[in-house]
């Protein structure tokens, strides 16, 4: 799933037993961060 979060688009992926977030900034058209999702953030999706 994707969400909008603090002026960023954040995509959530599931991979090999972990959840990964990809933070994309649409104004600069850049990926800001790719990181394992914190369990306390999963409810956002």
ModelCIF file with pLDDT and N, C-alpha, C, O atoms, coordinates in Angstrom:
data_MODEL
#
_entry.id   MODEL 
#
_entity.id                         1 
_entity.type                       polymer 
_entity.pdbx_number_of_molecules   1 
#
_entity_poly.entity_id                      1 
_entity_poly.type                           'polypeptide(L)' 
_entity_poly.nstd_linkage                   no 
_entity_poly.nstd_monomer                   no 
_entity_poly.pdbx_seq_one_letter_code       
;(UNK)(UNK)(UNK)(UNK)(UNK)(UNK)(UNK)(UNK)(UNK)(UNK)(UNK)(UNK)(UNK)(UNK)(UNK)(UNK)
(UNK)(UNK)(UNK)(UNK)(UNK)(UNK)(UNK)(UNK)(UNK)(UNK)(UNK)(UNK)(UNK)(UNK)(UNK)(UNK)
(UNK)(UNK)(UNK)(UNK)(UNK)(UNK)(UNK)(UNK)(UNK)(UNK)(UNK)(UNK)(UNK)
;
_entity_poly.pdbx_seq_one_letter_code_can   XXXXXXXXXXXXXXXXXXXXXXXXXXXXXXXXXXXXXXXXXXXXX 
_entity_poly.pdbx_strand_id                 A 
#
loop_
_entity_poly_seq.entity_id 
_entity_poly_seq.num 
_entity_poly_seq.mon_id 
_entity_poly_seq.hetero 
1 1  UNK n 
1 2  UNK n 
1 3  UNK n 
1 4  UNK n 
1 5  UNK n 
1 6  UNK n 
1 7  UNK n 
1 8  UNK n 
1 9  UNK n 
1 10 UNK n 
1 11 UNK n 
1 12 UNK n 
1 13 UNK n 
1 14 UNK n 
1 15 UNK n 
1 16 UNK n 
1 17 UNK n 
1 18 UNK n 
1 19 UNK n 
1 20 UNK n 
1 21 UNK n 
1 22 UNK n 
1 23 UNK n 
1 24 UNK n 
1 25 UNK n 
1 26 UNK n 
1 27 UNK n 
1 28 UNK n 
1 29 UNK n 
1 30 UNK n 
1 31 UNK n 
1 32 UNK n 
1 33 UNK n 
1 34 UNK n 
1 35 UNK n 
1 36 UNK n 
1 37 UNK n 
1 38 UNK n 
1 39 UNK n 
1 40 UNK n 
1 41 UNK n 
1 42 UNK n 
1 43 UNK n 
1 44 UNK n 
1 45 UNK n 
#
_struct_asym.id          A 
_struct_asym.entity_id   1 
#
loop_
_ma_qa_metric.id 
_ma_qa_metric.mode 
_ma_qa_metric.name 
_ma_qa_metric.software_group_id 
_ma_qa_metric.type 
1 global pLDDT . pLDDT 
2 local  pLDDT . pLDDT 
#
_ma_qa_metric_global.metric_id      1 
_ma_qa_metric_global.metric_value   93.31 
_ma_qa_metric_global.model_id       1 
_ma_qa_metric_global.ordinal_id     1 
#
loop_
_ma_qa_metric_local.label_asym_id 
_ma_qa_metric_local.label_comp_id 
_ma_qa_metric_local.label_seq_id 
_ma_qa_metric_local.metric_id 
_ma_qa_metric_local.metric_value 
_ma_qa_metric_local.model_id 
_ma_qa_metric_local.ordinal_id 
A UNK 1  2 94.00 1 1  
A UNK 2  2 94.00 1 2  
A UNK 3  2 94.00 1 3  
A UNK 4  2 93.00 1 4  
A UNK 5  2 89.00 1 5  
A UNK 6  2 89.00 1 6  
A UNK 7  2 89.00 1 7  
A UNK 8  2 94.00 1 8  
A UNK 9  2 96.00 1 9  
A UNK 10 2 97.00 1 10 
A UNK 11 2 97.00 1 11 
A UNK 12 2 97.00 1 12 
A UNK 13 2 97.00 1 13 
A UNK 14 2 96.00 1 14 
A UNK 15 2 95.00 1 15 
A UNK 16 2 89.00 1 16 
A UNK 17 2 91.00 1 17 
A UNK 18 2 95.00 1 18 
A UNK 19 2 96.00 1 19 
A UNK 20 2 97.00 1 20 
A UNK 21 2 97.00 1 21 
A UNK 22 2 97.00 1 22 
A UNK 23 2 97.00 1 23 
A UNK 24 2 97.00 1 24 
A UNK 25 2 94.00 1 25 
A UNK 26 2 91.00 1 26 
A UNK 27 2 90.00 1 27 
A UNK 28 2 93.00 1 28 
A UNK 29 2 93.00 1 29 
A UNK 30 2 95.00 1 30 
A UNK 31 2 95.00 1 31 
A UNK 32 2 93.00 1 32 
A UNK 33 2 95.00 1 33 
A UNK 34 2 97.00 1 34 
A UNK 35 2 96.00 1 35 
A UNK 36 2 96.00 1 36 
A UNK 37 2 95.00 1 37 
A UNK 38 2 92.00 1 38 
A UNK 39 2 89.00 1 39 
A UNK 40 2 90.00 1 40 
A UNK 41 2 88.00 1 41 
A UNK 42 2 88.00 1 42 
A UNK 43 2 85.00 1 43 
A UNK 44 2 89.00 1 44 
A UNK 45 2 88.00 1 45 
#
loop_
_atom_site.group_PDB 
_atom_site.id 
_atom_site.type_symbol 
_atom_site.label_atom_id 
_atom_site.label_alt_id 
_atom_site.label_comp_id 
_atom_site.label_asym_id 
_atom_site.label_entity_id 
_atom_site.label_seq_id 
_atom_site.pdbx_PDB_ins_code 
_atom_site.Cartn_x 
_atom_site.Cartn_y 
_atom_site.Cartn_z 
_atom_site.occupancy 
_atom_site.B_iso_or_equiv 
_atom_site.pdbx_formal_charge 
_atom_site.auth_seq_id 
_atom_site.auth_comp_id 
_atom_site.auth_asym_id 
_atom_site.auth_atom_id 
_atom_site.pdbx_PDB_model_num 
ATOM 1   N N  . UNK A 1 1  ? 0.844  -1.197  0.000  1.00 94.00 ? 1  UNK A N  1 
ATOM 2   C CA . UNK A 1 1  ? 0.000  0.000   0.000  1.00 94.00 ? 1  UNK A CA 1 
ATOM 3   C C  . UNK A 1 1  ? 0.879  1.246   0.000  1.00 94.00 ? 1  UNK A C  1 
ATOM 4   O O  . UNK A 1 1  ? 2.074  1.183   0.287  1.00 94.00 ? 1  UNK A O  1 
ATOM 5   N N  . UNK A 1 2  ? 0.260  2.379   -0.328 1.00 94.00 ? 2  UNK A N  1 
ATOM 6   C CA . UNK A 1 2  ? 0.919  3.691   -0.267 1.00 94.00 ? 2  UNK A CA 1 
ATOM 7   C C  . UNK A 1 2  ? 0.119  4.615   0.626  1.00 94.00 ? 2  UNK A C  1 
ATOM 8   O O  . UNK A 1 2  ? -1.103 4.507   0.731  1.00 94.00 ? 2  UNK A O  1 
ATOM 9   N N  . UNK A 1 3  ? 0.833  5.527   1.268  1.00 94.00 ? 3  UNK A N  1 
ATOM 10  C CA . UNK A 1 3  ? 0.185  6.582   2.042  1.00 94.00 ? 3  UNK A CA 1 
ATOM 11  C C  . UNK A 1 3  ? 0.908  7.893   1.759  1.00 94.00 ? 3  UNK A C  1 
ATOM 12  O O  . UNK A 1 3  ? 2.043  7.902   1.283  1.00 94.00 ? 3  UNK A O  1 
ATOM 13  N N  . UNK A 1 4  ? 0.237  8.987   2.057  1.00 93.00 ? 4  UNK A N  1 
ATOM 14  C CA . UNK A 1 4  ? 0.882  10.299  2.066  1.00 93.00 ? 4  UNK A CA 1 
ATOM 15  C C  . UNK A 1 4  ? 1.223  10.606  3.512  1.00 93.00 ? 4  UNK A C  1 
ATOM 16  O O  . UNK A 1 4  ? 0.374  10.500  4.396  1.00 93.00 ? 4  UNK A O  1 
ATOM 17  N N  . UNK A 1 5  ? 2.481  10.990  3.749  1.00 89.00 ? 5  UNK A N  1 
ATOM 18  C CA . UNK A 1 5  ? 2.958  11.183  5.112  1.00 89.00 ? 5  UNK A CA 1 
ATOM 19  C C  . UNK A 1 5  ? 3.936  12.352  5.123  1.00 89.00 ? 5  UNK A C  1 
ATOM 20  O O  . UNK A 1 5  ? 5.034  12.248  4.577  1.00 89.00 ? 5  UNK A O  1 
ATOM 21  N N  . UNK A 1 6  ? 3.551  13.440  5.730  1.00 89.00 ? 6  UNK A N  1 
ATOM 22  C CA . UNK A 1 6  ? 4.395  14.633  5.822  1.00 89.00 ? 6  UNK A CA 1 
ATOM 23  C C  . UNK A 1 6  ? 4.984  15.030  4.459  1.00 89.00 ? 6  UNK A C  1 
ATOM 24  O O  . UNK A 1 6  ? 6.202  15.098  4.292  1.00 89.00 ? 6  UNK A O  1 
ATOM 25  N N  . UNK A 1 7  ? 4.110  15.284  3.507  1.00 89.00 ? 7  UNK A N  1 
ATOM 26  C CA . UNK A 1 7  ? 4.478  15.728  2.159  1.00 89.00 ? 7  UNK A CA 1 
ATOM 27  C C  . UNK A 1 7  ? 5.322  14.723  1.383  1.00 89.00 ? 7  UNK A C  1 
ATOM 28  O O  . UNK A 1 7  ? 5.997  15.090  0.420  1.00 89.00 ? 7  UNK A O  1 
ATOM 29  N N  . UNK A 1 8  ? 5.290  13.471  1.790  1.00 94.00 ? 8  UNK A N  1 
ATOM 30  C CA . UNK A 1 8  ? 5.988  12.422  1.068  1.00 94.00 ? 8  UNK A CA 1 
ATOM 31  C C  . UNK A 1 8  ? 4.996  11.319  0.731  1.00 94.00 ? 8  UNK A C  1 
ATOM 32  O O  . UNK A 1 8  ? 3.981  11.153  1.406  1.00 94.00 ? 8  UNK A O  1 
ATOM 33  N N  . UNK A 1 9  ? 5.298  10.578  -0.308 1.00 96.00 ? 9  UNK A N  1 
ATOM 34  C CA . UNK A 1 9  ? 4.559  9.359   -0.607 1.00 96.00 ? 9  UNK A CA 1 
ATOM 35  C C  . UNK A 1 9  ? 5.392  8.225   -0.033 1.00 96.00 ? 9  UNK A C  1 
ATOM 36  O O  . UNK A 1 9  ? 6.589  8.135   -0.303 1.00 96.00 ? 9  UNK A O  1 
ATOM 37  N N  . UNK A 1 10 ? 4.778  7.374   0.744  1.00 97.00 ? 10 UNK A N  1 
ATOM 38  C CA . UNK A 1 10 ? 5.491  6.262   1.365  1.00 97.00 ? 10 UNK A CA 1 
ATOM 39  C C  . UNK A 1 10 ? 4.835  4.963   0.910  1.00 97.00 ? 10 UNK A C  1 
ATOM 40  O O  . UNK A 1 10 ? 3.645  4.740   1.130  1.00 97.00 ? 10 UNK A O  1 
ATOM 41  N N  . UNK A 1 11 ? 5.632  4.114   0.274  1.00 97.00 ? 11 UNK A N  1 
ATOM 42  C CA . UNK A 1 11 ? 5.168  2.803   -0.172 1.00 97.00 ? 11 UNK A CA 1 
ATOM 43  C C  . UNK A 1 11 ? 5.615  1.757   0.830  1.00 97.00 ? 11 UNK A C  1 
ATOM 44  O O  . UNK A 1 11 ? 6.735  1.803   1.338  1.00 97.00 ? 11 UNK A O  1 
ATOM 45  N N  . UNK A 1 12 ? 4.732  0.818   1.108  1.00 97.00 ? 12 UNK A N  1 
ATOM 46  C CA . UNK A 1 12 ? 5.045  -0.287  2.013  1.00 97.00 ? 12 UNK A CA 1 
ATOM 47  C C  . UNK A 1 12 ? 5.146  -1.571  1.205  1.00 97.00 ? 12 UNK A C  1 
ATOM 48  O O  . UNK A 1 12 ? 4.274  -1.883  0.393  1.00 97.00 ? 12 UNK A O  1 
ATOM 49  N N  . UNK A 1 13 ? 6.227  -2.311  1.441  1.00 97.00 ? 13 UNK A N  1 
ATOM 50  C CA . UNK A 1 13 ? 6.462  -3.599  0.787  1.00 97.00 ? 13 UNK A CA 1 
ATOM 51  C C  . UNK A 1 13 ? 6.675  -4.658  1.853  1.00 97.00 ? 13 UNK A C  1 
ATOM 52  O O  . UNK A 1 13 ? 7.144  -4.369  2.954  1.00 97.00 ? 13 UNK A O  1 
ATOM 53  N N  . UNK A 1 14 ? 6.321  -5.895  1.508  1.00 96.00 ? 14 UNK A N  1 
ATOM 54  C CA . UNK A 1 14 ? 6.628  -7.039  2.363  1.00 96.00 ? 14 UNK A CA 1 
ATOM 55  C C  . UNK A 1 14 ? 7.656  -7.877  1.627  1.00 96.00 ? 14 UNK A C  1 
ATOM 56  O O  . UNK A 1 14 ? 7.514  -8.154  0.436  1.00 96.00 ? 14 UNK A O  1 
ATOM 57  N N  . UNK A 1 15 ? 8.703  -8.280  2.359  1.00 95.00 ? 15 UNK A N  1 
ATOM 58  C CA . UNK A 1 15 ? 9.794  -9.004  1.714  1.00 95.00 ? 15 UNK A CA 1 
ATOM 59  C C  . UNK A 1 15 ? 10.489 -9.894  2.741  1.00 95.00 ? 15 UNK A C  1 
ATOM 60  O O  . UNK A 1 15 ? 10.979 -9.415  3.764  1.00 95.00 ? 15 UNK A O  1 
ATOM 61  N N  . UNK A 1 16 ? 10.524 -11.176 2.458  1.00 89.00 ? 16 UNK A N  1 
ATOM 62  C CA . UNK A 1 16 ? 11.278 -12.118 3.302  1.00 89.00 ? 16 UNK A CA 1 
ATOM 63  C C  . UNK A 1 16 ? 11.001 -11.943 4.788  1.00 89.00 ? 16 UNK A C  1 
ATOM 64  O O  . UNK A 1 16 ? 11.926 -11.968 5.599  1.00 89.00 ? 16 UNK A O  1 
ATOM 65  N N  . UNK A 1 17 ? 9.742  -11.769 5.148  1.00 91.00 ? 17 UNK A N  1 
ATOM 66  C CA . UNK A 1 17 ? 9.362  -11.673 6.555  1.00 91.00 ? 17 UNK A CA 1 
ATOM 67  C C  . UNK A 1 17 ? 9.508  -10.303 7.191  1.00 91.00 ? 17 UNK A C  1 
ATOM 68  O O  . UNK A 1 17 ? 9.277  -10.157 8.391  1.00 91.00 ? 17 UNK A O  1 
ATOM 69  N N  . UNK A 1 18 ? 9.887  -9.296  6.414  1.00 95.00 ? 18 UNK A N  1 
ATOM 70  C CA . UNK A 1 18 ? 9.987  -7.939  6.964  1.00 95.00 ? 18 UNK A CA 1 
ATOM 71  C C  . UNK A 1 18 ? 9.151  -6.988  6.120  1.00 95.00 ? 18 UNK A C  1 
ATOM 72  O O  . UNK A 1 18 ? 8.814  -7.284  4.974  1.00 95.00 ? 18 UNK A O  1 
ATOM 73  N N  . UNK A 1 19 ? 8.825  -5.850  6.699  1.00 96.00 ? 19 UNK A N  1 
ATOM 74  C CA . UNK A 1 19 ? 8.143  -4.785  5.984  1.00 96.00 ? 19 UNK A CA 1 
ATOM 75  C C  . UNK A 1 19 ? 9.155  -3.678  5.723  1.00 96.00 ? 19 UNK A C  1 
ATOM 76  O O  . UNK A 1 19 ? 9.948  -3.328  6.597  1.00 96.00 ? 19 UNK A O  1 
ATOM 77  N N  . UNK A 1 20 ? 9.120  -3.134  4.517  1.00 97.00 ? 20 UNK A N  1 
ATOM 78  C CA . UNK A 1 20 ? 10.071 -2.101  4.102  1.00 97.00 ? 20 UNK A CA 1 
ATOM 79  C C  . UNK A 1 20 ? 9.289  -0.889  3.611  1.00 97.00 ? 20 UNK A C  1 
ATOM 80  O O  . UNK A 1 20 ? 8.334  -1.025  2.846  1.00 97.00 ? 20 UNK A O  1 
ATOM 81  N N  . UNK A 1 21 ? 9.701  0.298   4.056  1.00 97.00 ? 21 UNK A N  1 
ATOM 82  C CA . UNK A 1 21 ? 9.096  1.545   3.612  1.00 97.00 ? 21 UNK A CA 1 
ATOM 83  C C  . UNK A 1 21 ? 10.036 2.251   2.637  1.00 97.00 ? 21 UNK A C  1 
ATOM 84  O O  . UNK A 1 21 ? 11.250 2.291   2.836  1.00 97.00 ? 21 UNK A O  1 
ATOM 85  N N  . UNK A 1 22 ? 9.447  2.804   1.582  1.00 97.00 ? 22 UNK A N  1 
ATOM 86  C CA . UNK A 1 22 ? 10.177 3.609   0.609  1.00 97.00 ? 22 UNK A CA 1 
ATOM 87  C C  . UNK A 1 22 ? 9.572  5.011   0.663  1.00 97.00 ? 22 UNK A C  1 
ATOM 88  O O  . UNK A 1 22 ? 8.406  5.208   0.321  1.00 97.00 ? 22 UNK A O  1 
ATOM 89  N N  . UNK A 1 23 ? 10.378 5.980   1.098  1.00 97.00 ? 23 UNK A N  1 
ATOM 90  C CA . UNK A 1 23 ? 9.933  7.364   1.240  1.00 97.00 ? 23 UNK A CA 1 
ATOM 91  C C  . UNK A 1 23 ? 10.310 8.140   -0.023 1.00 97.00 ? 23 UNK A C  1 
ATOM 92  O O  . UNK A 1 23 ? 11.490 8.304   -0.333 1.00 97.00 ? 23 UNK A O  1 
ATOM 93  N N  . UNK A 1 24 ? 9.302  8.610   -0.742 1.00 97.00 ? 24 UNK A N  1 
ATOM 94  C CA . UNK A 1 24 ? 9.506  9.324   -2.003 1.00 97.00 ? 24 UNK A CA 1 
ATOM 95  C C  . UNK A 1 24 ? 9.030  10.763  -1.837 1.00 97.00 ? 24 UNK A C  1 
ATOM 96  O O  . UNK A 1 24 ? 7.908  10.998  -1.388 1.00 97.00 ? 24 UNK A O  1 
ATOM 97  N N  . UNK A 1 25 ? 9.877  11.725  -2.198 1.00 94.00 ? 25 UNK A N  1 
ATOM 98  C CA . UNK A 1 25 ? 9.517  13.138  -2.118 1.00 94.00 ? 25 UNK A CA 1 
ATOM 99  C C  . UNK A 1 25 ? 9.120  13.617  -3.509 1.00 94.00 ? 25 UNK A C  1 
ATOM 100 O O  . UNK A 1 25 ? 9.982  13.741  -4.379 1.00 94.00 ? 25 UNK A O  1 
ATOM 101 N N  . UNK A 1 26 ? 7.827  13.890  -3.744 1.00 91.00 ? 26 UNK A N  1 
ATOM 102 C CA . UNK A 1 26 ? 7.365  14.225  -5.098 1.00 91.00 ? 26 UNK A CA 1 
ATOM 103 C C  . UNK A 1 26 ? 7.865  15.566  -5.637 1.00 91.00 ? 26 UNK A C  1 
ATOM 104 O O  . UNK A 1 26 ? 7.968  15.722  -6.854 1.00 91.00 ? 26 UNK A O  1 
ATOM 105 N N  . UNK A 1 27 ? 8.173  16.521  -4.796 1.00 90.00 ? 27 UNK A N  1 
ATOM 106 C CA . UNK A 1 27 ? 8.642  17.822  -5.266 1.00 90.00 ? 27 UNK A CA 1 
ATOM 107 C C  . UNK A 1 27 ? 10.035 17.687  -5.874 1.00 90.00 ? 27 UNK A C  1 
ATOM 108 O O  . UNK A 1 27 ? 10.303 18.242  -6.940 1.00 90.00 ? 27 UNK A O  1 
ATOM 109 N N  . UNK A 1 28 ? 10.912 16.961  -5.211 1.00 93.00 ? 28 UNK A N  1 
ATOM 110 C CA . UNK A 1 28 ? 12.270 16.787  -5.716 1.00 93.00 ? 28 UNK A CA 1 
ATOM 111 C C  . UNK A 1 28 ? 12.419 15.529  -6.582 1.00 93.00 ? 28 UNK A C  1 
ATOM 112 O O  . UNK A 1 28 ? 13.481 15.290  -7.156 1.00 93.00 ? 28 UNK A O  1 
ATOM 113 N N  . UNK A 1 29 ? 11.360 14.737  -6.672 1.00 93.00 ? 29 UNK A N  1 
ATOM 114 C CA . UNK A 1 29 ? 11.369 13.477  -7.437 1.00 93.00 ? 29 UNK A CA 1 
ATOM 115 C C  . UNK A 1 29 ? 12.518 12.560  -7.027 1.00 93.00 ? 29 UNK A C  1 
ATOM 116 O O  . UNK A 1 29 ? 13.193 11.969  -7.870 1.00 93.00 ? 29 UNK A O  1 
ATOM 117 N N  . UNK A 1 30 ? 12.725 12.455  -5.721 1.00 95.00 ? 30 UNK A N  1 
ATOM 118 C CA . UNK A 1 30 ? 13.794 11.605  -5.206 1.00 95.00 ? 30 UNK A CA 1 
ATOM 119 C C  . UNK A 1 30 ? 13.279 10.682  -4.107 1.00 95.00 ? 30 UNK A C  1 
ATOM 120 O O  . UNK A 1 30 ? 12.326 10.993  -3.393 1.00 95.00 ? 30 UNK A O  1 
ATOM 121 N N  . UNK A 1 31 ? 13.938 9.547   -4.002 1.00 95.00 ? 31 UNK A N  1 
ATOM 122 C CA . UNK A 1 31 ? 13.670 8.654   -2.881 1.00 95.00 ? 31 UNK A CA 1 
ATOM 123 C C  . UNK A 1 31 ? 14.518 9.133   -1.716 1.00 95.00 ? 31 UNK A C  1 
ATOM 124 O O  . UNK A 1 31 ? 15.745 9.187   -1.803 1.00 95.00 ? 31 UNK A O  1 
ATOM 125 N N  . UNK A 1 32 ? 13.855 9.476   -0.635 1.00 93.00 ? 32 UNK A N  1 
ATOM 126 C CA . UNK A 1 32 ? 14.527 10.020  0.549  1.00 93.00 ? 32 UNK A CA 1 
ATOM 127 C C  . UNK A 1 32 ? 15.135 8.913   1.409  1.00 93.00 ? 32 UNK A C  1 
ATOM 128 O O  . UNK A 1 32 ? 16.210 9.075   1.987  1.00 93.00 ? 32 UNK A O  1 
ATOM 129 N N  . UNK A 1 33 ? 14.420 7.778   1.482  1.00 95.00 ? 33 UNK A N  1 
ATOM 130 C CA . UNK A 1 33 ? 14.898 6.711   2.369  1.00 95.00 ? 33 UNK A CA 1 
ATOM 131 C C  . UNK A 1 33 ? 14.241 5.393   1.991  1.00 95.00 ? 33 UNK A C  1 
ATOM 132 O O  . UNK A 1 33 ? 13.089 5.365   1.557  1.00 95.00 ? 33 UNK A O  1 
ATOM 133 N N  . UNK A 1 34 ? 14.976 4.307   2.156  1.00 97.00 ? 34 UNK A N  1 
ATOM 134 C CA . UNK A 1 34 ? 14.446 2.945   2.068  1.00 97.00 ? 34 UNK A CA 1 
ATOM 135 C C  . UNK A 1 34 ? 14.895 2.255   3.350  1.00 97.00 ? 34 UNK A C  1 
ATOM 136 O O  . UNK A 1 34 ? 16.090 2.104   3.601  1.00 97.00 ? 34 UNK A O  1 
ATOM 137 N N  . UNK A 1 35 ? 13.921 1.838   4.157  1.00 96.00 ? 35 UNK A N  1 
ATOM 138 C CA . UNK A 1 35 ? 14.276 1.283   5.466  1.00 96.00 ? 35 UNK A CA 1 
ATOM 139 C C  . UNK A 1 35 ? 13.218 0.306   5.948  1.00 96.00 ? 35 UNK A C  1 
ATOM 140 O O  . UNK A 1 35 ? 12.060 0.350   5.531  1.00 96.00 ? 35 UNK A O  1 
ATOM 141 N N  . UNK A 1 36 ? 13.648 -0.571  6.834  1.00 96.00 ? 36 UNK A N  1 
ATOM 142 C CA . UNK A 1 36 ? 12.720 -1.478  7.490  1.00 96.00 ? 36 UNK A CA 1 
ATOM 143 C C  . UNK A 1 36 ? 11.687 -0.659  8.255  1.00 96.00 ? 36 UNK A C  1 
ATOM 144 O O  . UNK A 1 36 ? 12.029 0.285   8.967  1.00 96.00 ? 36 UNK A O  1 
ATOM 145 N N  . UNK A 1 37 ? 10.425 -1.031  8.098  1.00 95.00 ? 37 UNK A N  1 
ATOM 146 C CA . UNK A 1 37 ? 9.340  -0.310  8.766  1.00 95.00 ? 37 UNK A CA 1 
ATOM 147 C C  . UNK A 1 37 ? 9.312  -0.640  10.252 1.00 95.00 ? 37 UNK A C  1 
ATOM 148 O O  . UNK A 1 37 ? 9.453  -1.796  10.650 1.00 95.00 ? 37 UNK A O  1 
ATOM 149 N N  . UNK A 1 38 ? 9.131  0.378   11.047 1.00 92.00 ? 38 UNK A N  1 
ATOM 150 C CA . UNK A 1 38 ? 8.950  0.175   12.481 1.00 92.00 ? 38 UNK A CA 1 
ATOM 151 C C  . UNK A 1 38 ? 7.564  -0.447  12.704 1.00 92.00 ? 38 UNK A C  1 
ATOM 152 O O  . UNK A 1 38 ? 6.587  0.019   12.117 1.00 92.00 ? 38 UNK A O  1 
ATOM 153 N N  . UNK A 1 39 ? 7.461  -1.473  13.528 1.00 89.00 ? 39 UNK A N  1 
ATOM 154 C CA . UNK A 1 39 ? 6.169  -2.126  13.748 1.00 89.00 ? 39 UNK A CA 1 
ATOM 155 C C  . UNK A 1 39 ? 5.066  -1.174  14.202 1.00 89.00 ? 39 UNK A C  1 
ATOM 156 O O  . UNK A 1 39 ? 3.897  -1.388  13.878 1.00 89.00 ? 39 UNK A O  1 
ATOM 157 N N  . UNK A 1 40 ? 5.417  -0.134  14.944 1.00 90.00 ? 40 UNK A N  1 
ATOM 158 C CA . UNK A 1 40 ? 4.404  0.799   15.433 1.00 90.00 ? 40 UNK A CA 1 
ATOM 159 C C  . UNK A 1 40 ? 3.882  1.726   14.329 1.00 90.00 ? 40 UNK A C  1 
ATOM 160 O O  . UNK A 1 40 ? 2.985  2.526   14.594 1.00 90.00 ? 40 UNK A O  1 
ATOM 161 N N  . UNK A 1 41 ? 4.411  1.648   13.102 1.00 88.00 ? 41 UNK A N  1 
ATOM 162 C CA . UNK A 1 41 ? 3.933  2.463   11.986 1.00 88.00 ? 41 UNK A CA 1 
ATOM 163 C C  . UNK A 1 41 ? 3.024  1.681   11.031 1.00 88.00 ? 41 UNK A C  1 
ATOM 164 O O  . UNK A 1 41 ? 2.370  2.282   10.178 1.00 88.00 ? 41 UNK A O  1 
ATOM 165 N N  . UNK A 1 42 ? 2.976  0.374   11.160 1.00 88.00 ? 42 UNK A N  1 
ATOM 166 C CA . UNK A 1 42 ? 2.238  -0.446  10.208 1.00 88.00 ? 42 UNK A CA 1 
ATOM 167 C C  . UNK A 1 42 ? 0.748  -0.138  10.177 1.00 88.00 ? 42 UNK A C  1 
ATOM 168 O O  . UNK A 1 42 ? 0.103  -0.309  9.142  1.00 88.00 ? 42 UNK A O  1 
ATOM 169 N N  . UNK A 1 43 ? 0.199  0.308   11.288 1.00 85.00 ? 43 UNK A N  1 
ATOM 170 C CA . UNK A 1 43 ? -1.224 0.634   11.323 1.00 85.00 ? 43 UNK A CA 1 
ATOM 171 C C  . UNK A 1 43 ? -1.584 1.784   10.372 1.00 85.00 ? 43 UNK A C  1 
ATOM 172 O O  . UNK A 1 43 ? -2.749 1.939   10.008 1.00 85.00 ? 43 UNK A O  1 
ATOM 173 N N  . UNK A 1 44 ? -0.609 2.579   9.975  1.00 89.00 ? 44 UNK A N  1 
ATOM 174 C CA . UNK A 1 44 ? -0.869 3.690   9.057  1.00 89.00 ? 44 UNK A CA 1 
ATOM 175 C C  . UNK A 1 44 ? -1.313 3.195   7.684  1.00 89.00 ? 44 UNK A C  1 
ATOM 176 O O  . UNK A 1 44 ? -1.985 3.925   6.956  1.00 89.00 ? 44 UNK A O  1 
ATOM 177 N N  . UNK A 1 45 ? -0.957 1.993   7.328  1.00 88.00 ? 45 UNK A N  1 
ATOM 178 C CA . UNK A 1 45 ? -1.235 1.453   6.005  1.00 88.00 ? 45 UNK A CA 1 
ATOM 179 C C  . UNK A 1 45 ? -2.543 0.680   5.908  1.00 88.00 ? 45 UNK A C  1 
ATOM 180 O O  . UNK A 1 45 ? -2.884 0.176   4.838  1.00 88.00 ? 45 UNK A O  1 
#
